[in-house]
N, C-alpha and C. Protein backbone atom coordinates (compact mmCIF):
# COMPACT_ATOMS: atom_id res chain seq x y z
N MET A 1 18.61 -47.53 8.48
CA MET A 1 18.70 -47.82 9.90
C MET A 1 17.35 -47.54 10.53
N ASN A 2 16.96 -48.41 11.42
CA ASN A 2 15.65 -48.31 12.06
C ASN A 2 15.85 -47.85 13.50
N LEU A 3 15.64 -46.55 13.76
CA LEU A 3 15.84 -46.00 15.09
C LEU A 3 14.52 -45.45 15.64
N PRO A 4 14.26 -45.68 16.94
CA PRO A 4 12.98 -45.24 17.53
C PRO A 4 13.03 -43.80 18.05
N HIS A 5 13.85 -42.94 17.51
CA HIS A 5 14.03 -41.58 17.99
C HIS A 5 13.19 -40.60 17.17
N GLY A 6 12.87 -39.45 17.78
CA GLY A 6 12.26 -38.37 17.03
C GLY A 6 13.29 -37.80 16.06
N GLU A 7 12.85 -37.22 14.97
CA GLU A 7 13.75 -36.78 13.90
C GLU A 7 14.87 -35.86 14.40
N LEU A 8 14.59 -34.96 15.32
CA LEU A 8 15.63 -34.05 15.80
C LEU A 8 16.75 -34.77 16.54
N LEU A 9 16.47 -35.97 17.04
CA LEU A 9 17.48 -36.72 17.77
C LEU A 9 18.13 -37.82 16.96
N VAL A 10 17.77 -37.94 15.69
CA VAL A 10 18.41 -38.94 14.84
C VAL A 10 19.62 -38.30 14.18
N PHE A 11 20.80 -38.69 14.68
CA PHE A 11 22.05 -38.15 14.15
C PHE A 11 22.64 -39.07 13.09
N ALA A 12 22.45 -40.37 13.24
CA ALA A 12 22.99 -41.35 12.28
C ALA A 12 22.10 -41.33 11.04
N LYS A 13 22.70 -41.02 9.90
CA LYS A 13 21.92 -40.84 8.68
C LYS A 13 22.08 -41.96 7.66
N GLU A 14 23.31 -42.44 7.43
CA GLU A 14 23.51 -43.40 6.35
C GLU A 14 24.70 -44.32 6.65
N VAL A 15 24.50 -45.61 6.46
CA VAL A 15 25.59 -46.57 6.61
C VAL A 15 26.45 -46.49 5.35
N VAL A 16 27.73 -46.20 5.55
CA VAL A 16 28.66 -46.05 4.43
C VAL A 16 29.38 -47.37 4.15
N LEU A 17 29.70 -48.11 5.20
CA LEU A 17 30.44 -49.37 5.09
C LEU A 17 30.07 -50.26 6.25
N LYS A 18 29.97 -51.56 5.98
CA LYS A 18 29.63 -52.50 7.06
C LYS A 18 30.38 -53.80 6.85
N THR A 19 31.05 -54.27 7.91
CA THR A 19 31.65 -55.60 7.93
C THR A 19 31.11 -56.29 9.18
N ASP A 20 31.62 -57.47 9.49
CA ASP A 20 31.13 -58.20 10.67
C ASP A 20 31.33 -57.44 11.97
N ASN A 21 32.47 -56.75 12.11
CA ASN A 21 32.74 -56.10 13.40
C ASN A 21 32.99 -54.59 13.28
N LYS A 22 32.72 -54.00 12.13
CA LYS A 22 32.98 -52.57 11.93
C LYS A 22 31.91 -51.95 11.03
N VAL A 23 31.46 -50.76 11.42
CA VAL A 23 30.57 -49.98 10.56
C VAL A 23 31.09 -48.57 10.45
N GLN A 24 30.84 -47.95 9.30
CA GLN A 24 31.08 -46.53 9.11
C GLN A 24 29.73 -45.91 8.78
N VAL A 25 29.40 -44.87 9.52
CA VAL A 25 28.09 -44.24 9.37
C VAL A 25 28.26 -42.73 9.26
N SER A 26 27.57 -42.15 8.31
CA SER A 26 27.56 -40.70 8.15
C SER A 26 26.55 -40.12 9.14
N CYS A 27 26.99 -39.14 9.93
CA CYS A 27 26.11 -38.51 10.93
C CYS A 27 26.06 -37.01 10.69
N ARG A 28 24.90 -36.45 10.97
CA ARG A 28 24.70 -35.00 10.84
C ARG A 28 23.99 -34.51 12.09
N PHE A 29 24.48 -33.39 12.62
CA PHE A 29 23.93 -32.79 13.82
C PHE A 29 23.24 -31.47 13.48
N PRO A 30 22.17 -31.11 14.22
CA PRO A 30 21.48 -29.85 13.94
C PRO A 30 22.27 -28.63 14.44
N THR A 31 23.15 -28.83 15.41
CA THR A 31 24.01 -27.79 15.95
C THR A 31 25.40 -28.39 16.16
N VAL A 32 26.39 -27.57 16.45
CA VAL A 32 27.72 -28.10 16.75
C VAL A 32 27.58 -29.05 17.93
N PRO A 33 28.02 -30.30 17.77
CA PRO A 33 27.74 -31.32 18.78
C PRO A 33 28.59 -31.20 20.05
N THR A 34 27.99 -31.64 21.15
CA THR A 34 28.67 -31.78 22.43
C THR A 34 29.18 -33.21 22.54
N LEU A 35 29.99 -33.49 23.56
CA LEU A 35 30.44 -34.87 23.75
C LEU A 35 29.27 -35.82 23.96
N SER A 36 28.24 -35.36 24.67
CA SER A 36 27.05 -36.21 24.87
C SER A 36 26.39 -36.57 23.54
N MET A 37 26.35 -35.61 22.63
CA MET A 37 25.75 -35.87 21.32
C MET A 37 26.60 -36.85 20.52
N PHE A 38 27.94 -36.76 20.64
CA PHE A 38 28.81 -37.73 19.97
C PHE A 38 28.56 -39.14 20.50
N ILE A 39 28.41 -39.27 21.81
CA ILE A 39 28.17 -40.59 22.40
C ILE A 39 26.83 -41.14 21.93
N GLU A 40 25.80 -40.30 21.92
CA GLU A 40 24.48 -40.74 21.44
C GLU A 40 24.55 -41.15 19.97
N ALA A 41 25.26 -40.38 19.16
CA ALA A 41 25.39 -40.71 17.74
C ALA A 41 26.10 -42.05 17.57
N ALA A 42 27.15 -42.28 18.35
CA ALA A 42 27.87 -43.56 18.26
C ALA A 42 26.94 -44.71 18.62
N ALA A 43 26.14 -44.54 19.66
CA ALA A 43 25.18 -45.58 20.04
C ALA A 43 24.17 -45.83 18.91
N GLN A 44 23.70 -44.76 18.27
CA GLN A 44 22.79 -44.91 17.14
C GLN A 44 23.46 -45.66 16.00
N CYS A 45 24.73 -45.37 15.76
CA CYS A 45 25.46 -46.04 14.67
C CYS A 45 25.55 -47.54 14.90
N SER A 46 25.59 -47.96 16.15
CA SER A 46 25.68 -49.40 16.44
C SER A 46 24.46 -50.17 15.94
N ALA A 47 23.36 -49.47 15.68
CA ALA A 47 22.17 -50.13 15.13
C ALA A 47 22.46 -50.74 13.76
N ALA A 48 23.50 -50.27 13.09
CA ALA A 48 23.86 -50.83 11.78
C ALA A 48 24.31 -52.29 11.89
N PHE A 49 24.68 -52.73 13.09
CA PHE A 49 25.07 -54.14 13.30
C PHE A 49 23.86 -55.06 13.37
N ASN A 50 22.67 -54.51 13.50
CA ASN A 50 21.44 -55.30 13.62
C ASN A 50 21.18 -56.03 12.30
N VAL A 51 21.40 -57.34 12.29
CA VAL A 51 21.33 -58.10 11.03
C VAL A 51 19.91 -58.37 10.57
N ASP A 52 18.96 -58.49 11.48
CA ASP A 52 17.58 -58.80 11.05
C ASP A 52 16.76 -57.55 10.77
N ASN A 53 17.32 -56.36 11.05
CA ASN A 53 16.67 -55.08 10.77
C ASN A 53 15.33 -54.90 11.46
N GLU A 54 15.03 -55.77 12.45
CA GLU A 54 13.84 -55.58 13.26
C GLU A 54 14.16 -54.55 14.34
N PRO A 55 13.24 -53.63 14.61
CA PRO A 55 13.52 -52.63 15.64
C PRO A 55 13.75 -53.29 17.00
N LYS A 56 14.79 -52.84 17.70
CA LYS A 56 15.10 -53.33 19.04
C LYS A 56 15.40 -52.12 19.92
N ILE A 57 15.03 -52.25 21.16
CA ILE A 57 15.31 -51.19 22.11
C ILE A 57 16.67 -51.45 22.74
N GLY A 58 17.52 -50.44 22.74
CA GLY A 58 18.82 -50.54 23.37
C GLY A 58 19.01 -49.41 24.37
N PHE A 59 19.71 -49.71 25.44
CA PHE A 59 19.97 -48.72 26.47
C PHE A 59 21.47 -48.51 26.60
N LEU A 60 21.89 -47.27 26.48
CA LEU A 60 23.29 -46.92 26.69
C LEU A 60 23.54 -47.02 28.19
N THR A 61 24.41 -47.94 28.60
CA THR A 61 24.64 -48.16 30.02
C THR A 61 25.94 -47.57 30.52
N MET A 62 26.90 -47.36 29.62
CA MET A 62 28.18 -46.83 30.06
C MET A 62 28.94 -46.23 28.88
N ALA A 63 29.62 -45.13 29.15
CA ALA A 63 30.56 -44.55 28.20
C ALA A 63 31.87 -44.36 28.95
N THR A 64 32.97 -44.87 28.40
CA THR A 64 34.26 -44.79 29.07
C THR A 64 35.33 -44.31 28.11
N ASN A 65 36.37 -43.75 28.67
CA ASN A 65 37.55 -43.32 27.90
C ASN A 65 37.18 -42.41 26.73
N VAL A 66 36.14 -41.62 26.87
CA VAL A 66 35.73 -40.70 25.81
C VAL A 66 36.67 -39.50 25.85
N GLU A 67 37.29 -39.23 24.71
CA GLU A 67 38.29 -38.16 24.62
C GLU A 67 37.97 -37.20 23.48
N LEU A 68 38.09 -35.93 23.76
CA LEU A 68 38.03 -34.90 22.73
C LEU A 68 39.44 -34.75 22.18
N LEU A 69 39.62 -35.01 20.89
CA LEU A 69 40.95 -35.03 20.28
C LEU A 69 41.29 -33.76 19.53
N ASP A 70 40.27 -33.04 19.07
CA ASP A 70 40.51 -31.83 18.28
C ASP A 70 39.29 -30.93 18.38
N LYS A 71 39.40 -29.77 17.81
CA LYS A 71 38.32 -28.78 17.81
C LYS A 71 37.09 -29.33 17.07
N VAL A 72 35.94 -29.08 17.65
CA VAL A 72 34.67 -29.51 17.05
C VAL A 72 33.95 -28.26 16.56
N ASP A 73 33.81 -28.13 15.23
CA ASP A 73 33.13 -26.96 14.69
C ASP A 73 32.32 -27.27 13.43
N SER A 74 32.14 -28.53 13.15
CA SER A 74 31.40 -28.96 11.96
C SER A 74 30.09 -29.62 12.38
N LEU A 75 29.22 -29.82 11.43
CA LEU A 75 27.94 -30.51 11.69
C LEU A 75 27.92 -31.93 11.15
N GLU A 76 28.90 -32.31 10.31
CA GLU A 76 28.89 -33.63 9.68
C GLU A 76 30.17 -34.40 9.99
N TYR A 77 29.96 -35.66 10.38
CA TYR A 77 31.07 -36.53 10.77
C TYR A 77 30.85 -37.94 10.24
N ILE A 78 31.93 -38.65 10.08
CA ILE A 78 31.89 -40.08 9.81
C ILE A 78 32.25 -40.78 11.11
N PHE A 79 31.38 -41.66 11.55
CA PHE A 79 31.64 -42.46 12.74
C PHE A 79 32.10 -43.84 12.32
N ILE A 80 33.16 -44.29 12.94
CA ILE A 80 33.63 -45.65 12.75
C ILE A 80 33.42 -46.35 14.08
N VAL A 81 32.61 -47.40 14.06
CA VAL A 81 32.25 -48.11 15.29
C VAL A 81 32.68 -49.56 15.14
N PHE A 82 33.42 -50.04 16.15
CA PHE A 82 33.88 -51.43 16.18
C PHE A 82 33.12 -52.18 17.26
N SER A 83 32.57 -53.32 16.91
CA SER A 83 31.95 -54.20 17.89
C SER A 83 33.07 -55.00 18.56
N GLU A 84 33.25 -54.80 19.87
CA GLU A 84 34.37 -55.43 20.56
C GLU A 84 33.99 -56.72 21.28
N THR A 85 32.91 -56.67 22.06
CA THR A 85 32.53 -57.81 22.89
C THR A 85 31.02 -57.90 22.96
N GLU A 86 30.52 -59.13 22.98
CA GLU A 86 29.09 -59.34 23.12
C GLU A 86 28.88 -60.52 24.07
N VAL A 87 28.17 -60.26 25.17
CA VAL A 87 27.83 -61.30 26.13
C VAL A 87 26.34 -61.17 26.41
N GLY A 88 25.57 -62.08 25.84
CA GLY A 88 24.13 -62.01 25.98
C GLY A 88 23.61 -60.70 25.42
N ALA A 89 22.89 -59.93 26.24
CA ALA A 89 22.31 -58.66 25.80
C ALA A 89 23.30 -57.50 25.89
N TYR A 90 24.46 -57.73 26.52
CA TYR A 90 25.46 -56.67 26.68
C TYR A 90 26.38 -56.63 25.47
N LYS A 91 26.60 -55.42 24.97
CA LYS A 91 27.45 -55.24 23.80
C LYS A 91 28.38 -54.06 24.06
N LYS A 92 29.68 -54.29 23.86
CA LYS A 92 30.68 -53.24 24.06
C LYS A 92 31.25 -52.82 22.72
N PHE A 93 31.42 -51.50 22.54
CA PHE A 93 31.87 -50.93 21.28
C PHE A 93 32.98 -49.91 21.53
N PHE A 94 33.81 -49.71 20.51
CA PHE A 94 34.77 -48.61 20.43
C PHE A 94 34.32 -47.75 19.26
N PHE A 95 34.45 -46.42 19.40
CA PHE A 95 34.09 -45.54 18.28
C PHE A 95 35.09 -44.42 18.14
N LYS A 96 35.14 -43.89 16.93
CA LYS A 96 35.82 -42.63 16.69
C LYS A 96 35.00 -41.84 15.69
N ALA A 97 35.04 -40.53 15.85
CA ALA A 97 34.32 -39.63 14.96
C ALA A 97 35.34 -38.80 14.20
N ILE A 98 35.15 -38.74 12.89
CA ILE A 98 36.08 -38.04 12.00
C ILE A 98 35.32 -36.94 11.27
N ASP A 99 35.87 -35.72 11.32
CA ASP A 99 35.25 -34.61 10.59
C ASP A 99 35.15 -34.98 9.12
N LYS A 100 33.97 -34.84 8.56
CA LYS A 100 33.72 -35.30 7.19
C LYS A 100 34.54 -34.52 6.15
N VAL A 101 34.82 -33.26 6.41
CA VAL A 101 35.55 -32.45 5.44
C VAL A 101 37.07 -32.52 5.66
N SER A 102 37.51 -32.25 6.89
CA SER A 102 38.96 -32.19 7.16
C SER A 102 39.59 -33.56 7.36
N LYS A 103 38.76 -34.58 7.61
CA LYS A 103 39.22 -35.96 7.85
C LYS A 103 40.03 -36.10 9.15
N ILE A 104 39.88 -35.16 10.07
CA ILE A 104 40.58 -35.19 11.35
C ILE A 104 39.71 -35.90 12.38
N SER A 105 40.32 -36.83 13.15
CA SER A 105 39.61 -37.49 14.25
C SER A 105 39.39 -36.48 15.36
N VAL A 106 38.14 -36.36 15.81
CA VAL A 106 37.83 -35.36 16.83
C VAL A 106 37.41 -35.96 18.17
N VAL A 107 36.85 -37.15 18.17
CA VAL A 107 36.40 -37.80 19.40
C VAL A 107 36.60 -39.30 19.26
N ARG A 108 36.91 -39.94 20.39
CA ARG A 108 36.95 -41.42 20.42
C ARG A 108 36.58 -41.87 21.81
N GLY A 109 36.18 -43.13 21.91
CA GLY A 109 35.83 -43.68 23.22
C GLY A 109 35.16 -45.03 23.11
N ASN A 110 34.69 -45.52 24.24
CA ASN A 110 34.00 -46.80 24.32
C ASN A 110 32.61 -46.58 24.89
N PHE A 111 31.70 -47.46 24.55
CA PHE A 111 30.38 -47.44 25.16
C PHE A 111 29.83 -48.86 25.21
N THR A 112 28.90 -49.04 26.13
CA THR A 112 28.25 -50.35 26.31
C THR A 112 26.75 -50.16 26.21
N LEU A 113 26.11 -51.07 25.51
CA LEU A 113 24.66 -51.08 25.38
C LEU A 113 24.09 -52.37 25.96
N VAL A 114 22.87 -52.30 26.43
CA VAL A 114 22.08 -53.49 26.70
C VAL A 114 20.97 -53.45 25.67
N VAL A 115 20.88 -54.50 24.86
CA VAL A 115 19.91 -54.56 23.77
C VAL A 115 18.89 -55.64 24.07
N GLU A 116 17.61 -55.30 23.89
CA GLU A 116 16.56 -56.28 24.18
C GLU A 116 16.76 -57.53 23.33
N THR A 117 16.45 -58.66 23.92
CA THR A 117 16.50 -59.93 23.18
C THR A 117 15.08 -60.39 22.95
N ASN A 118 14.91 -61.13 21.88
CA ASN A 118 13.56 -61.61 21.52
C ASN A 118 13.23 -62.91 22.21
C-alpha cells in the first residue's frame, strides 16, 4: 500500500484479501487505539482499492455511525472495508475492525473520502 503518512501514523500494514468491493487489511497501532485512530486506519485501508497503485491524496470528509462494540485493549486488528458508493471523487465506505486474536468485532462505522482525480 502506498500511503503518504509518516511511519508512526501508518496503521494499515498488509492487505490480506481484496475483491472488487471489499478489502481485509491487517493494522497495527503503536498504542491502544482511540476511535479516531480506528477511523484513520479504516481510511488508510481504503487505499487498497487503488487499482493503479499510483499515490493519490485523499481527504477524510465524514465519519458517521461509528460505534464502539467491545473493549479495545489490543494493538492488532483486521479491518474489513466495503466500498459502498462512488460518485466522481467522492467515495463512501463501511468498515469494521476485528481484534486479531479474539476475533471479536470492536468498532464499525461509515466514512467518506474525497480522492484526487488525475
